[in-house]
Amino acid sequence: MTRGLLLLIGCLSLALGLIGIFVPLLPTVPFILLASFCFARSSQRLHQWLISHPWFAQALQDWEEQGGIRKDLKRKAYIMTSLSFMVSIVLVPLLWVKLMLLGMCLALLLYLWRVPELDD
C-alpha cells in the first residue's frame, strides 16, 4: 500500500515538474526532487531512469550526494524565479494577489539562498 502511494505521488510530482518547465509559478525542481524521493522508495526502475535522465541527472546526483545545487543552476533558478514572479505580479490586477505573489517569491528566493551552493 505504501509503495503504491509513493509511486502515485512520484508520478504526479514528475508530471507537475515537467509542466512547471513551461508554466511560470509552478516550480520544477521541488517536484522533480519529490519524484526522485518517492521513486527511490517505490520503483528502482523509475528512480534509475530519473537519475540518469539527461535533463535531471546532474542536479539530482548533486542533491543526493552532496545536498546542494551547483552555482550556475542556482543562478538560473534565481533569475527564472524572479522573472516569472515579476511577470505574474505585473499581469495580476488585484493588489492582495500581487502582495501574496511577492511574499511567495521572497520565500522561494530565501529558500534557494539557504540551499548549499556547489562549485561548478
PDB file of N, CA and C in Angstrom:
ATOM      1  N   MET A   1       0.835  -1.201   0.000  1.00  0.00           N
ATOM      2  CA  MET A   1       0.000   0.000   0.000  1.00  0.00           C
ATOM      3  C   MET A   1       0.879   1.264   0.000  1.00  0.00           C
ATOM      4  N   THR A   2       1.876   1.320   0.884  1.00  0.00           N
ATOM      5  CA  THR A   2       2.759   2.482   0.958  1.00  0.00           C
ATOM      6  C   THR A   2       3.536   2.642  -0.345  1.00  0.00           C
ATOM      7  N   ARG A   3       4.007   1.521  -0.887  1.00  0.00           N
ATOM      8  CA  ARG A   3       4.767   1.563  -2.137  1.00  0.00           C
ATOM      9  C   ARG A   3       3.907   2.137  -3.259  1.00  0.00           C
ATOM     10  N   GLY A   4       2.659   1.716  -3.353  1.00  0.00           N
ATOM     11  CA  GLY A   4       1.751   2.219  -4.380  1.00  0.00           C
ATOM     12  C   GLY A   4       1.475   3.702  -4.224  1.00  0.00           C
ATOM     13  N   LEU A   5       1.310   4.147  -2.990  1.00  0.00           N
ATOM     14  CA  LEU A   5       1.064   5.577  -2.730  1.00  0.00           C
ATOM     15  C   LEU A   5       2.284   6.408  -3.112  1.00  0.00           C
ATOM     16  N   LEU A   6       3.473   5.919  -2.757  1.00  0.00           N
ATOM     17  CA  LEU A   6       4.700   6.641  -3.120  1.00  0.00           C
ATOM     18  C   LEU A   6       4.887   6.681  -4.636  1.00  0.00           C
ATOM     19  N   LEU A   7       4.547   5.600  -5.299  1.00  0.00           N
ATOM     20  CA  LEU A   7       4.639   5.553  -6.761  1.00  0.00           C
ATOM     21  C   LEU A   7       3.675   6.558  -7.388  1.00  0.00           C
ATOM     22  N   LEU A   8       2.466   6.644  -6.880  1.00  0.00           N
ATOM     23  CA  LEU A   8       1.476   7.600  -7.373  1.00  0.00           C
ATOM     24  C   LEU A   8       1.949   9.043  -7.143  1.00  0.00           C
ATOM     25  N   ILE A   9       2.427   9.321  -5.938  1.00  0.00           N
ATOM     26  CA  ILE A   9       2.923  10.672  -5.630  1.00  0.00           C
ATOM     27  C   ILE A   9       4.121  11.007  -6.512  1.00  0.00           C
ATOM     28  N   GLY A  10       4.998  10.025  -6.728  1.00  0.00           N
ATOM     29  CA  GLY A  10       6.159  10.246  -7.589  1.00  0.00           C
ATOM     30  C   GLY A  10       5.757  10.574  -9.016  1.00  0.00           C
ATOM     31  N   CYS A  11       4.797   9.839  -9.554  1.00  0.00           N
ATOM     32  CA  CYS A  11       4.329  10.097 -10.920  1.00  0.00           C
ATOM     33  C   CYS A  11       3.654  11.458 -11.042  1.00  0.00           C
ATOM     34  N   LEU A  12       2.829  11.802 -10.058  1.00  0.00           N
ATOM     35  CA  LEU A  12       2.177  13.125 -10.070  1.00  0.00           C
ATOM     36  C   LEU A  12       3.212  14.241  -9.949  1.00  0.00           C
ATOM     37  N   SER A  13       4.194  14.043  -9.091  1.00  0.00           N
ATOM     38  CA  SER A  13       5.243  15.051  -8.915  1.00  0.00           C
ATOM     39  C   SER A  13       6.057  15.230 -10.188  1.00  0.00           C
ATOM     40  N   LEU A  14       6.377  14.121 -10.833  1.00  0.00           N
ATOM     41  CA  LEU A  14       7.122  14.207 -12.087  1.00  0.00           C
ATOM     42  C   LEU A  14       6.301  14.948 -13.144  1.00  0.00           C
ATOM     43  N   ALA A  15       5.014  14.638 -13.234  1.00  0.00           N
ATOM     44  CA  ALA A  15       4.153  15.325 -14.198  1.00  0.00           C
ATOM     45  C   ALA A  15       4.081  16.823 -13.903  1.00  0.00           C
ATOM     46  N   LEU A  16       3.902  17.180 -12.638  1.00  0.00           N
ATOM     47  CA  LEU A  16       3.850  18.604 -12.274  1.00  0.00           C
ATOM     48  C   LEU A  16       5.184  19.291 -12.536  1.00  0.00           C
ATOM     49  N   GLY A  17       6.286  18.595 -12.268  1.00  0.00           N
ATOM     50  CA  GLY A  17       7.607  19.158 -12.545  1.00  0.00           C
ATOM     51  C   GLY A  17       7.817  19.411 -14.026  1.00  0.00           C
ATOM     52  N   LEU A  18       7.373  18.487 -14.858  1.00  0.00           N
ATOM     53  CA  LEU A  18       7.512  18.676 -16.301  1.00  0.00           C
ATOM     54  C   LEU A  18       6.623  19.809 -16.797  1.00  0.00           C
ATOM     55  N   ILE A  19       5.424  19.909 -16.262  1.00  0.00           N
ATOM     56  CA  ILE A  19       4.542  21.031 -16.619  1.00  0.00           C
ATOM     57  C   ILE A  19       5.171  22.341 -16.159  1.00  0.00           C
ATOM     58  N   GLY A  20       5.838  22.317 -14.999  1.00  0.00           N
ATOM     59  CA  GLY A  20       6.479  23.511 -14.448  1.00  0.00           C
ATOM     60  C   GLY A  20       7.585  24.070 -15.321  1.00  0.00           C
ATOM     61  N   ILE A  21       8.122  23.259 -16.217  1.00  0.00           N
ATOM     62  CA  ILE A  21       9.136  23.768 -17.149  1.00  0.00           C
ATOM     63  C   ILE A  21       8.529  24.855 -18.033  1.00  0.00           C
ATOM     64  N   PHE A  22       7.254  24.706 -18.357  1.00  0.00           N
ATOM     65  CA  PHE A  22       6.599  25.611 -19.303  1.00  0.00           C
ATOM     66  C   PHE A  22       5.654  26.624 -18.652  1.00  0.00           C
ATOM     67  N   VAL A  23       5.243  26.374 -17.406  1.00  0.00           N
ATOM     68  CA  VAL A  23       4.268  27.233 -16.741  1.00  0.00           C
ATOM     69  C   VAL A  23       4.946  28.024 -15.619  1.00  0.00           C
ATOM     70  N   PRO A  24       4.943  29.348 -15.734  1.00  0.00           N
ATOM     71  CA  PRO A  24       5.525  30.145 -14.661  1.00  0.00           C
ATOM     72  C   PRO A  24       4.774  29.906 -13.341  1.00  0.00           C
ATOM     73  N   LEU A  25       5.454  30.017 -12.267  1.00  0.00           N
ATOM     74  CA  LEU A  25       4.946  29.865 -10.900  1.00  0.00           C
ATOM     75  C   LEU A  25       4.752  28.413 -10.479  1.00  0.00           C
ATOM     76  N   LEU A  26       4.888  27.467 -11.379  1.00  0.00           N
ATOM     77  CA  LEU A  26       4.822  26.061 -10.995  1.00  0.00           C
ATOM     78  C   LEU A  26       6.273  25.584 -10.918  1.00  0.00           C
ATOM     79  N   PRO A  27       6.773  25.350  -9.707  1.00  0.00           N
ATOM     80  CA  PRO A  27       8.202  25.056  -9.566  1.00  0.00           C
ATOM     81  C   PRO A  27       8.553  23.670 -10.098  1.00  0.00           C
ATOM     82  N   THR A  28       9.620  23.592 -10.849  1.00  0.00           N
ATOM     83  CA  THR A  28      10.054  22.329 -11.423  1.00  0.00           C
ATOM     84  C   THR A  28      10.910  21.530 -10.440  1.00  0.00           C
ATOM     85  N   VAL A  29      11.934  22.163  -9.909  1.00  0.00           N
ATOM     86  CA  VAL A  29      12.928  21.451  -9.098  1.00  0.00           C
ATOM     87  C   VAL A  29      12.327  20.745  -7.880  1.00  0.00           C
ATOM     88  N   PRO A  30      11.500  21.396  -7.066  1.00  0.00           N
ATOM     89  CA  PRO A  30      10.959  20.674  -5.905  1.00  0.00           C
ATOM     90  C   PRO A  30      10.139  19.445  -6.294  1.00  0.00           C
ATOM     91  N   PHE A  31       9.396  19.530  -7.383  1.00  0.00           N
ATOM     92  CA  PHE A  31       8.596  18.389  -7.814  1.00  0.00           C
ATOM     93  C   PHE A  31       9.480  17.248  -8.323  1.00  0.00           C
ATOM     94  N   ILE A  32      10.552  17.576  -9.027  1.00  0.00           N
ATOM     95  CA  ILE A  32      11.469  16.538  -9.516  1.00  0.00           C
ATOM     96  C   ILE A  32      12.191  15.892  -8.330  1.00  0.00           C
ATOM     97  N   LEU A  33      12.580  16.690  -7.337  1.00  0.00           N
ATOM     98  CA  LEU A  33      13.217  16.129  -6.141  1.00  0.00           C
ATOM     99  C   LEU A  33      12.253  15.213  -5.384  1.00  0.00           C
ATOM    100  N   LEU A  34      10.994  15.631  -5.282  1.00  0.00           N
ATOM    101  CA  LEU A  34       9.994  14.794  -4.612  1.00  0.00           C
ATOM    102  C   LEU A  34       9.769  13.501  -5.395  1.00  0.00           C
ATOM    103  N   ALA A  35       9.733  13.597  -6.720  1.00  0.00           N
ATOM    104  CA  ALA A  35       9.573  12.392  -7.538  1.00  0.00           C
ATOM    105  C   ALA A  35      10.742  11.438  -7.322  1.00  0.00           C
ATOM    106  N   SER A  36      11.943  11.970  -7.266  1.00  0.00           N
ATOM    107  CA  SER A  36      13.122  11.141  -7.037  1.00  0.00           C
ATOM    108  C   SER A  36      13.046  10.448  -5.680  1.00  0.00           C
ATOM    109  N   PHE A  37      12.651  11.190  -4.662  1.00  0.00           N
ATOM    110  CA  PHE A  37      12.487  10.635  -3.310  1.00  0.00           C
ATOM    111  C   PHE A  37      11.466   9.496  -3.317  1.00  0.00           C
ATOM    112  N   CYS A  38      10.333   9.734  -3.930  1.00  0.00           N
ATOM    113  CA  CYS A  38       9.263   8.723  -3.965  1.00  0.00           C
ATOM    114  C   CYS A  38       9.666   7.499  -4.781  1.00  0.00           C
ATOM    115  N   PHE A  39      10.300   7.728  -5.931  1.00  0.00           N
ATOM    116  CA  PHE A  39      10.708   6.604  -6.769  1.00  0.00           C
ATOM    117  C   PHE A  39      11.791   5.772  -6.092  1.00  0.00           C
ATOM    118  N   ALA A  40      12.671   6.416  -5.342  1.00  0.00           N
ATOM    119  CA  ALA A  40      13.732   5.680  -4.647  1.00  0.00           C
ATOM    120  C   ALA A  40      13.137   4.688  -3.650  1.00  0.00           C
ATOM    121  N   ARG A  41      11.940   4.962  -3.159  1.00  0.00           N
ATOM    122  CA  ARG A  41      11.299   4.109  -2.164  1.00  0.00           C
ATOM    123  C   ARG A  41      10.197   3.232  -2.738  1.00  0.00           C
ATOM    124  N   SER A  42       9.895   3.407  -4.047  1.00  0.00           N
ATOM    125  CA  SER A  42       8.791   2.630  -4.602  1.00  0.00           C
ATOM    126  C   SER A  42       9.131   1.891  -5.893  1.00  0.00           C
ATOM    127  N   SER A  43       9.994   2.472  -6.726  1.00  0.00           N
ATOM    128  CA  SER A  43      10.297   1.849  -8.016  1.00  0.00           C
ATOM    129  C   SER A  43      11.756   2.118  -8.381  1.00  0.00           C
ATOM    130  N   GLN A  44      12.581   1.121  -8.200  1.00  0.00           N
ATOM    131  CA  GLN A  44      14.001   1.273  -8.524  1.00  0.00           C
ATOM    132  C   GLN A  44      14.193   1.596 -10.011  1.00  0.00           C
ATOM    133  N   ARG A  45      13.349   1.025 -10.870  1.00  0.00           N
ATOM    134  CA  ARG A  45      13.445   1.261 -12.308  1.00  0.00           C
ATOM    135  C   ARG A  45      13.181   2.736 -12.649  1.00  0.00           C
ATOM    136  N   LEU A  46      12.101   3.303 -12.095  1.00  0.00           N
ATOM    137  CA  LEU A  46      11.792   4.717 -12.357  1.00  0.00           C
ATOM    138  C   LEU A  46      12.828   5.639 -11.732  1.00  0.00           C
ATOM    139  N   HIS A  47      13.303   5.284 -10.550  1.00  0.00           N
ATOM    140  CA  HIS A  47      14.334   6.106  -9.903  1.00  0.00           C
ATOM    141  C   HIS A  47      15.604   6.113 -10.745  1.00  0.00           C
ATOM    142  N   GLN A  48      16.000   4.951 -11.231  1.00  0.00           N
ATOM    143  CA  GLN A  48      17.196   4.861 -12.070  1.00  0.00           C
ATOM    144  C   GLN A  48      17.013   5.659 -13.361  1.00  0.00           C
ATOM    145  N   TRP A  49      15.815   5.567 -13.962  1.00  0.00           N
ATOM    146  CA  TRP A  49      15.536   6.335 -15.167  1.00  0.00           C
ATOM    147  C   TRP A  49      15.657   7.835 -14.894  1.00  0.00           C
ATOM    148  N   LEU A  50      15.087   8.278 -13.774  1.00  0.00           N
ATOM    149  CA  LEU A  50      15.089   9.704 -13.449  1.00  0.00           C
ATOM    150  C   LEU A  50      16.495  10.209 -13.165  1.00  0.00           C
ATOM    151  N   ILE A  51      17.273   9.471 -12.372  1.00  0.00           N
ATOM    152  CA  ILE A  51      18.611   9.971 -12.030  1.00  0.00           C
ATOM    153  C   ILE A  51      19.622   9.809 -13.163  1.00  0.00           C
ATOM    154  N   SER A  52      19.226   9.104 -14.222  1.00  0.00           N
ATOM    155  CA  SER A  52      20.120   9.009 -15.376  1.00  0.00           C
ATOM    156  C   SER A  52      19.596   9.811 -16.566  1.00  0.00           C
ATOM    157  N   HIS A  53      18.466  10.491 -16.392  1.00  0.00           N
ATOM    158  CA  HIS A  53      17.887  11.297 -17.470  1.00  0.00           C
ATOM    159  C   HIS A  53      18.789  12.507 -17.736  1.00  0.00           C
ATOM    160  N   PRO A  54      19.061  12.805 -19.013  1.00  0.00           N
ATOM    161  CA  PRO A  54      19.975  13.907 -19.330  1.00  0.00           C
ATOM    162  C   PRO A  54      19.564  15.272 -18.764  1.00  0.00           C
ATOM    163  N   TRP A  55      18.278  15.515 -18.621  1.00  0.00           N
ATOM    164  CA  TRP A  55      17.834  16.818 -18.099  1.00  0.00           C
ATOM    165  C   TRP A  55      18.041  16.941 -16.598  1.00  0.00           C
ATOM    166  N   PHE A  56      17.900  15.853 -15.863  1.00  0.00           N
ATOM    167  CA  PHE A  56      17.856  15.934 -14.410  1.00  0.00           C
ATOM    168  C   PHE A  56      19.019  15.259 -13.689  1.00  0.00           C
ATOM    169  N   ALA A  57      19.790  14.425 -14.397  1.00  0.00           N
ATOM    170  CA  ALA A  57      20.776  13.560 -13.750  1.00  0.00           C
ATOM    171  C   ALA A  57      21.763  14.325 -12.867  1.00  0.00           C
ATOM    172  N   GLN A  58      22.402  15.335 -13.422  1.00  0.00           N
ATOM    173  CA  GLN A  58      23.451  16.026 -12.665  1.00  0.00           C
ATOM    174  C   GLN A  58      22.896  16.708 -11.419  1.00  0.00           C
ATOM    175  N   ALA A  59      21.782  17.401 -11.556  1.00  0.00           N
ATOM    176  CA  ALA A  59      21.201  18.109 -10.410  1.00  0.00           C
ATOM    177  C   ALA A  59      20.748  17.129  -9.330  1.00  0.00           C
ATOM    178  N   LEU A  60      20.136  16.009  -9.729  1.00  0.00           N
ATOM    179  CA  LEU A  60      19.681  15.018  -8.747  1.00  0.00           C
ATOM    180  C   LEU A  60      20.857  14.338  -8.060  1.00  0.00           C
ATOM    181  N   GLN A  61      21.895  14.023  -8.808  1.00  0.00           N
ATOM    182  CA  GLN A  61      23.073  13.419  -8.198  1.00  0.00           C
ATOM    183  C   GLN A  61      23.741  14.374  -7.218  1.00  0.00           C
ATOM    184  N   ASP A  62      23.833  15.647  -7.596  1.00  0.00           N
ATOM    185  CA  ASP A  62      24.398  16.649  -6.680  1.00  0.00           C
ATOM    186  C   ASP A  62      23.580  16.725  -5.396  1.00  0.00           C
ATOM    187  N   TRP A  63      22.260  16.741  -5.548  1.00  0.00           N
ATOM    188  CA  TRP A  63      21.375  16.850  -4.387  1.00  0.00           C
ATOM    189  C   TRP A  63      21.496  15.618  -3.493  1.00  0.00           C
ATOM    190  N   GLU A  64      21.471  14.424  -4.103  1.00  0.00           N
ATOM    191  CA  GLU A  64      21.516  13.192  -3.320  1.00  0.00           C
ATOM    192  C   GLU A  64      22.873  12.973  -2.662  1.00  0.00           C
ATOM    193  N   GLU A  65      23.949  13.310  -3.356  1.00  0.00           N
ATOM    194  CA  GLU A  65      25.282  13.030  -2.838  1.00  0.00           C
ATOM    195  C   GLU A  65      25.813  14.129  -1.927  1.00  0.00           C
ATOM    196  N   GLN A  66      25.511  15.385  -2.245  1.00  0.00           N
ATOM    197  CA  GLN A  66      26.115  16.497  -1.517  1.00  0.00           C
ATOM    198  C   GLN A  66      25.099  17.439  -0.880  1.00  0.00           C
ATOM    199  N   GLY A  67      23.813  17.233  -1.163  1.00  0.00           N
ATOM    200  CA  GLY A  67      22.779  18.069  -0.561  1.00  0.00           C
ATOM    201  C   GLY A  67      22.820  19.523  -0.986  1.00  0.00           C
ATOM    202  N   GLY A  68      23.231  19.776  -2.229  1.00  0.00           N
ATOM    203  CA  GLY A  68      23.322  21.147  -2.691  1.00  0.00           C
ATOM    204  C   GLY A  68      23.028  21.275  -4.175  1.00  0.00           C
ATOM    205  N   ILE A  69      23.122  22.527  -4.649  1.00  0.00           N
ATOM    206  CA  ILE A  69      22.849  22.858  -6.044  1.00  0.00           C
ATOM    207  C   ILE A  69      24.082  23.564  -6.603  1.00  0.00           C
ATOM    208  N   ARG A  70      24.444  23.229  -7.827  1.00  0.00           N
ATOM    209  CA  ARG A  70      25.591  23.884  -8.474  1.00  0.00           C
ATOM    210  C   ARG A  70      25.320  25.383  -8.647  1.00  0.00           C
ATOM    211  N   LYS A  71      26.415  26.124  -8.598  1.00  0.00           N
ATOM    212  CA  LYS A  71      26.337  27.578  -8.644  1.00  0.00           C
ATOM    213  C   LYS A  71      25.594  28.084  -9.881  1.00  0.00           C
ATOM    214  N   ASP A  72      25.878  27.528 -11.056  1.00  0.00           N
ATOM    215  CA  ASP A  72      25.232  28.009 -12.282  1.00  0.00           C
ATOM    216  C   ASP A  72      23.739  27.690 -12.292  1.00  0.00           C
ATOM    217  N   LEU A  73      23.361  26.520 -11.798  1.00  0.00           N
ATOM    218  CA  LEU A  73      21.949  26.156 -11.719  1.00  0.00           C
ATOM    219  C   LEU A  73      21.213  27.036 -10.705  1.00  0.00           C
ATOM    220  N   LYS A  74      21.885  27.342  -9.613  1.00  0.00           N
ATOM    221  CA  LYS A  74      21.280  28.215  -8.597  1.00  0.00           C
ATOM    222  C   LYS A  74      21.057  29.616  -9.170  1.00  0.00           C
ATOM    223  N   ARG A  75      22.023  30.100  -9.927  1.00  0.00           N
ATOM    224  CA  ARG A  75      21.894  31.417 -10.553  1.00  0.00           C
ATOM    225  C   ARG A  75      20.709  31.423 -11.523  1.00  0.00           C
ATOM    226  N   LYS A  76      20.565  30.356 -12.317  1.00  0.00           N
ATOM    227  CA  LYS A  76      19.437  30.254 -13.242  1.00  0.00           C
ATOM    228  C   LYS A  76      18.113  30.201 -12.481  1.00  0.00           C
ATOM    229  N   ALA A  77      18.099  29.497 -11.365  1.00  0.00           N
ATOM    230  CA  ALA A  77      16.878  29.416 -10.553  1.00  0.00           C
ATOM    231  C   ALA A  77      16.498  30.794 -10.009  1.00  0.00           C
ATOM    232  N   TYR A  78      17.479  31.568  -9.545  1.00  0.00           N
ATOM    233  CA  TYR A  78      17.204  32.933  -9.073  1.00  0.00           C
ATOM    234  C   TYR A  78      16.591  33.766 -10.190  1.00  0.00           C
ATOM    235  N   ILE A  79      17.201  33.711 -11.373  1.00  0.00           N
ATOM    236  CA  ILE A  79      16.753  34.536 -12.493  1.00  0.00           C
ATOM    237  C   ILE A  79      15.350  34.133 -12.946  1.00  0.00           C
ATOM    238  N   MET A  80      15.136  32.834 -13.155  1.00  0.00           N
ATOM    239  CA  MET A  80      13.833  32.383 -13.656  1.00  0.00           C
ATOM    240  C   MET A  80      12.725  32.606 -12.619  1.00  0.00           C
ATOM    241  N   THR A  81      13.034  32.388 -11.355  1.00  0.00           N
ATOM    242  CA  THR A  81      12.045  32.636 -10.304  1.00  0.00           C
ATOM    243  C   THR A  81      11.660  34.112 -10.283  1.00  0.00           C
ATOM    244  N   SER A  82      12.661  34.970 -10.294  1.00  0.00           N
ATOM    245  CA  SER A  82      12.398  36.413 -10.258  1.00  0.00           C
ATOM    246  C   SER A  82      11.607  36.876 -11.475  1.00  0.00           C
ATOM    247  N   LEU A  83      12.010  36.422 -12.657  1.00  0.00           N
ATOM    248  CA  LEU A  83      11.313  36.833 -13.878  1.00  0.00           C
ATOM    249  C   LEU A  83       9.865  36.358 -13.907  1.00  0.00           C
ATOM    250  N   SER A  84       9.641  35.086 -13.566  1.00  0.00           N
ATOM    251  CA  SER A  84       8.266  34.587 -13.648  1.00  0.00           C
ATOM    252  C   SER A  84       7.363  35.244 -12.617  1.00  0.00           C
ATOM    253  N   PHE A  85       7.888  35.497 -11.430  1.00  0.00           N
ATOM    254  CA  PHE A  85       7.066  36.187 -10.436  1.00  0.00           C
ATOM    255  C   PHE A  85       6.823  37.641 -10.833  1.00  0.00           C
ATOM    256  N   MET A  86       7.841  38.316 -11.409  1.00  0.00           N
ATOM    257  CA  MET A  86       7.647  39.709 -11.828  1.00  0.00           C
ATOM    258  C   MET A  86       6.571  39.814 -12.902  1.00  0.00           C
ATOM    259  N   VAL A  87       6.616  38.910 -13.876  1.00  0.00           N
ATOM    260  CA  VAL A  87       5.599  38.914 -14.931  1.00  0.00           C
ATOM    261  C   VAL A  87       4.212  38.687 -14.328  1.00  0.00           C
ATOM    262  N   SER A  88       4.115  37.737 -13.426  1.00  0.00           N
ATOM    263  CA  SER A  88       2.821  37.443 -12.799  1.00  0.00           C
ATOM    264  C   SER A  88       2.320  38.632 -11.981  1.00  0.00           C
ATOM    265  N   ILE A  89       3.219  39.269 -11.256  1.00  0.00           N
ATOM    266  CA  ILE A  89       2.826  40.423 -10.428  1.00  0.00           C
ATOM    267  C   ILE A  89       2.336  41.568 -11.312  1.00  0.00           C
ATOM    268  N   VAL A  90       2.980  41.783 -12.448  1.00  0.00           N
ATOM    269  CA  VAL A  90       2.565  42.847 -13.362  1.00  0.00           C
ATOM    270  C   VAL A  90       1.201  42.533 -13.985  1.00  0.00           C
ATOM    271  N   LEU A  91       0.951  41.268 -14.307  1.00  0.00           N
ATOM    272  CA  LEU A  91      -0.280  40.898 -15.002  1.00  0.00           C
ATOM    273  C   LEU A  91      -1.505  40.795 -14.097  1.00  0.00           C
ATOM    274  N   VAL A  92      -1.297  40.531 -12.822  1.00  0.00           N
ATOM    275  CA  VAL A  92      -2.422  40.340 -11.904  1.00  0.00           C
ATOM    276  C   VAL A  92      -2.982  41.704 -11.492  1.00  0.00           C
ATOM    277  N   PRO A  93      -4.304  41.876 -11.591  1.00  0.00           N
ATOM    278  CA  PRO A  93      -4.873  43.189 -11.280  1.00  0.00           C
ATOM    279  C   PRO A  93      -5.113  43.463  -9.782  1.00  0.00           C
ATOM    280  N   LEU A  94      -5.260  42.429  -8.977  1.00  0.00           N
ATOM    281  CA  LEU A  94      -5.615  42.622  -7.568  1.00  0.00           C
ATOM    282  C   LEU A  94      -4.381  42.836  -6.690  1.00  0.00           C
ATOM    283  N   LEU A  95      -4.434  43.879  -5.860  1.00  0.00           N
ATOM    284  CA  LEU A  95      -3.301  44.219  -5.008  1.00  0.00           C
ATOM    285  C   LEU A  95      -2.963  43.090  -4.036  1.00  0.00           C
ATOM    286  N   TRP A  96      -3.986  42.473  -3.418  1.00  0.00           N
ATOM    287  CA  TRP A  96      -3.698  41.430  -2.438  1.00  0.00           C
ATOM    288  C   TRP A  96      -3.035  40.217  -3.080  1.00  0.00           C
ATOM    289  N   VAL A  97      -3.357  39.941  -4.337  1.00  0.00           N
ATOM    290  CA  VAL A  97      -2.710  38.831  -5.050  1.00  0.00           C
ATOM    291  C   VAL A  97      -1.271  39.211  -5.376  1.00  0.00           C
ATOM    292  N   LYS A  98      -1.047  40.475  -5.762  1.00  0.00           N
ATOM    293  CA  LYS A  98       0.315  40.948  -6.025  1.00  0.00           C
ATOM    294  C   LYS A  98       1.175  40.800  -4.771  1.00  0.00           C
ATOM    295  N   LEU A  99       0.623  41.164  -3.622  1.00  0.00           N
ATOM    296  CA  LEU A  99       1.368  41.053  -2.368  1.00  0.00           C
ATOM    297  C   LEU A  99       1.629  39.592  -2.003  1.00  0.00           C
ATOM    298  N   MET A 100       0.655  38.735  -2.251  1.00  0.00           N
ATOM    299  CA  MET A 100       0.829  37.311  -1.982  1.00  0.00           C
ATOM    300  C   MET A 100       1.936  36.735  -2.875  1.00  0.00           C
ATOM    301  N   LEU A 101       1.924  37.100  -4.152  1.00  0.00           N
ATOM    302  CA  LEU A 101       2.959  36.634  -5.076  1.00  0.00           C
ATOM    303  C   LEU A 101       4.336  37.142  -4.669  1.00  0.00           C
ATOM    304  N   LEU A 102       4.401  38.388  -4.228  1.00  0.00           N
ATOM    305  CA  LEU A 102       5.666  38.942  -3.766  1.00  0.00           C
ATOM    306  C   LEU A 102       6.183  38.164  -2.553  1.00  0.00           C
ATOM    307  N   GLY A 103       5.289  37.857  -1.620  1.00  0.00           N
ATOM    308  CA  GLY A 103       5.681  37.067  -0.450  1.00  0.00           C
ATOM    309  C   GLY A 103       6.158  35.673  -0.836  1.00  0.00           C
ATOM    310  N   MET A 104       5.460  35.038  -1.775  1.00  0.00           N
ATOM    311  CA  MET A 104       5.872  33.708  -2.244  1.00  0.00           C
ATOM    312  C   MET A 104       7.232  33.775  -2.930  1.00  0.00           C
ATOM    313  N   CYS A 105       7.453  34.813  -3.717  1.00  0.00           N
ATOM    314  CA  CYS A 105       8.727  34.984  -4.399  1.00  0.00           C
ATOM    315  C   CYS A 105       9.859  35.146  -3.390  1.00  0.00           C
ATOM    316  N   LEU A 106       9.653  35.990  -2.406  1.00  0.00           N
ATOM    317  CA  LEU A 106      10.683  36.204  -1.398  1.00  0.00           C
ATOM    318  C   LEU A 106      10.963  34.936  -0.601  1.00  0.00           C
ATOM    319  N   ALA A 107       9.920  34.185  -0.274  1.00  0.00           N
ATOM    320  CA  ALA A 107      10.107  32.931   0.468  1.00  0.00           C
ATOM    321  C   ALA A 107      10.909  31.923  -0.372  1.00  0.00           C
ATOM    322  N   LEU A 108      10.597  31.819  -1.651  1.00  0.00           N
ATOM    323  CA  LEU A 108      11.317  30.891  -2.506  1.00  0.00           C
ATOM    324  C   LEU A 108      12.766  31.326  -2.700  1.00  0.00           C
ATOM    325  N   LEU A 109      12.985  32.614  -2.886  1.00  0.00           N
ATOM    326  CA  LEU A 109      14.355  33.110  -3.028  1.00  0.00           C
ATOM    327  C   LEU A 109      15.157  32.904  -1.744  1.00  0.00           C
ATOM    328  N   LEU A 110      14.511  33.072  -0.603  1.00  0.00           N
ATOM    329  CA  LEU A 110      15.178  32.810   0.680  1.00  0.00           C
ATOM    330  C   LEU A 110      15.545  31.333   0.807  1.00  0.00           C
ATOM    331  N   TYR A 111      14.629  30.466   0.414  1.00  0.00           N
ATOM    332  CA  TYR A 111      14.917  29.030   0.445  1.00  0.00           C
ATOM    333  C   TYR A 111      16.108  28.700  -0.462  1.00  0.00           C
ATOM    334  N   LEU A 112      16.096  29.233  -1.689  1.00  0.00           N
ATOM    335  CA  LEU A 112      17.206  28.992  -2.606  1.00  0.00           C
ATOM    336  C   LEU A 112      18.523  29.505  -2.030  1.00  0.00           C
ATOM    337  N   TRP A 113      18.491  30.638  -1.400  1.00  0.00           N
ATOM    338  CA  TRP A 113      19.690  31.229  -0.812  1.00  0.00           C
ATOM    339  C   TRP A 113      20.267  30.324   0.270  1.00  0.00           C
ATOM    340  N   ARG A 114      19.380  29.631   1.001  1.00  0.00           N
ATOM    341  CA  ARG A 114      19.822  28.768   2.096  1.00  0.00           C
ATOM    342  C   ARG A 114      20.331  27.403   1.640  1.00  0.00           C
ATOM    343  N   VAL A 115      19.986  26.998   0.420  1.00  0.00           N
ATOM    344  CA  VAL A 115      20.457  25.715  -0.100  1.00  0.00           C
ATOM    345  C   VAL A 115      21.964  25.829  -0.357  1.00  0.00           C
ATOM    346  N   PRO A 116      22.743  24.851   0.116  1.00  0.00           N
ATOM    347  CA  PRO A 116      24.197  24.910  -0.112  1.00  0.00           C
ATOM    348  C   PRO A 116      24.533  24.993  -1.591  1.00  0.00           C
ATOM    349  N   GLU A 117      25.547  25.791  -1.891  1.00  0.00           N
ATOM    350  CA  GLU A 117      25.972  26.020  -3.267  1.00  0.00           C
ATOM    351  C   GLU A 117      27.224  25.207  -3.534  1.00  0.00           C
ATOM    352  N   LEU A 118      27.202  24.438  -4.617  1.00  0.00           N
ATOM    353  CA  LEU A 118      28.335  23.611  -5.004  1.00  0.00           C
ATOM    354  C   LEU A 118      29.109  24.301  -6.106  1.00  0.00           C
ATOM    355  N   ASP A 119      30.415  24.067  -6.158  1.00  0.00           N
ATOM    356  CA  ASP A 119      31.236  24.631  -7.237  1.00  0.00           C
ATOM    357  C   ASP A 119      30.893  23.961  -8.550  1.00  0.00           C
ATOM    358  N   ASP A 120      30.981  24.742  -9.636  1.00  0.00           N
ATOM    359  CA  ASP A 120      30.674  24.210 -10.978  1.00  0.00           C
ATOM    360  C   ASP A 120      31.638  23.129 -11.393  1.00  0.00           C
TER     361      ASP A 120
END
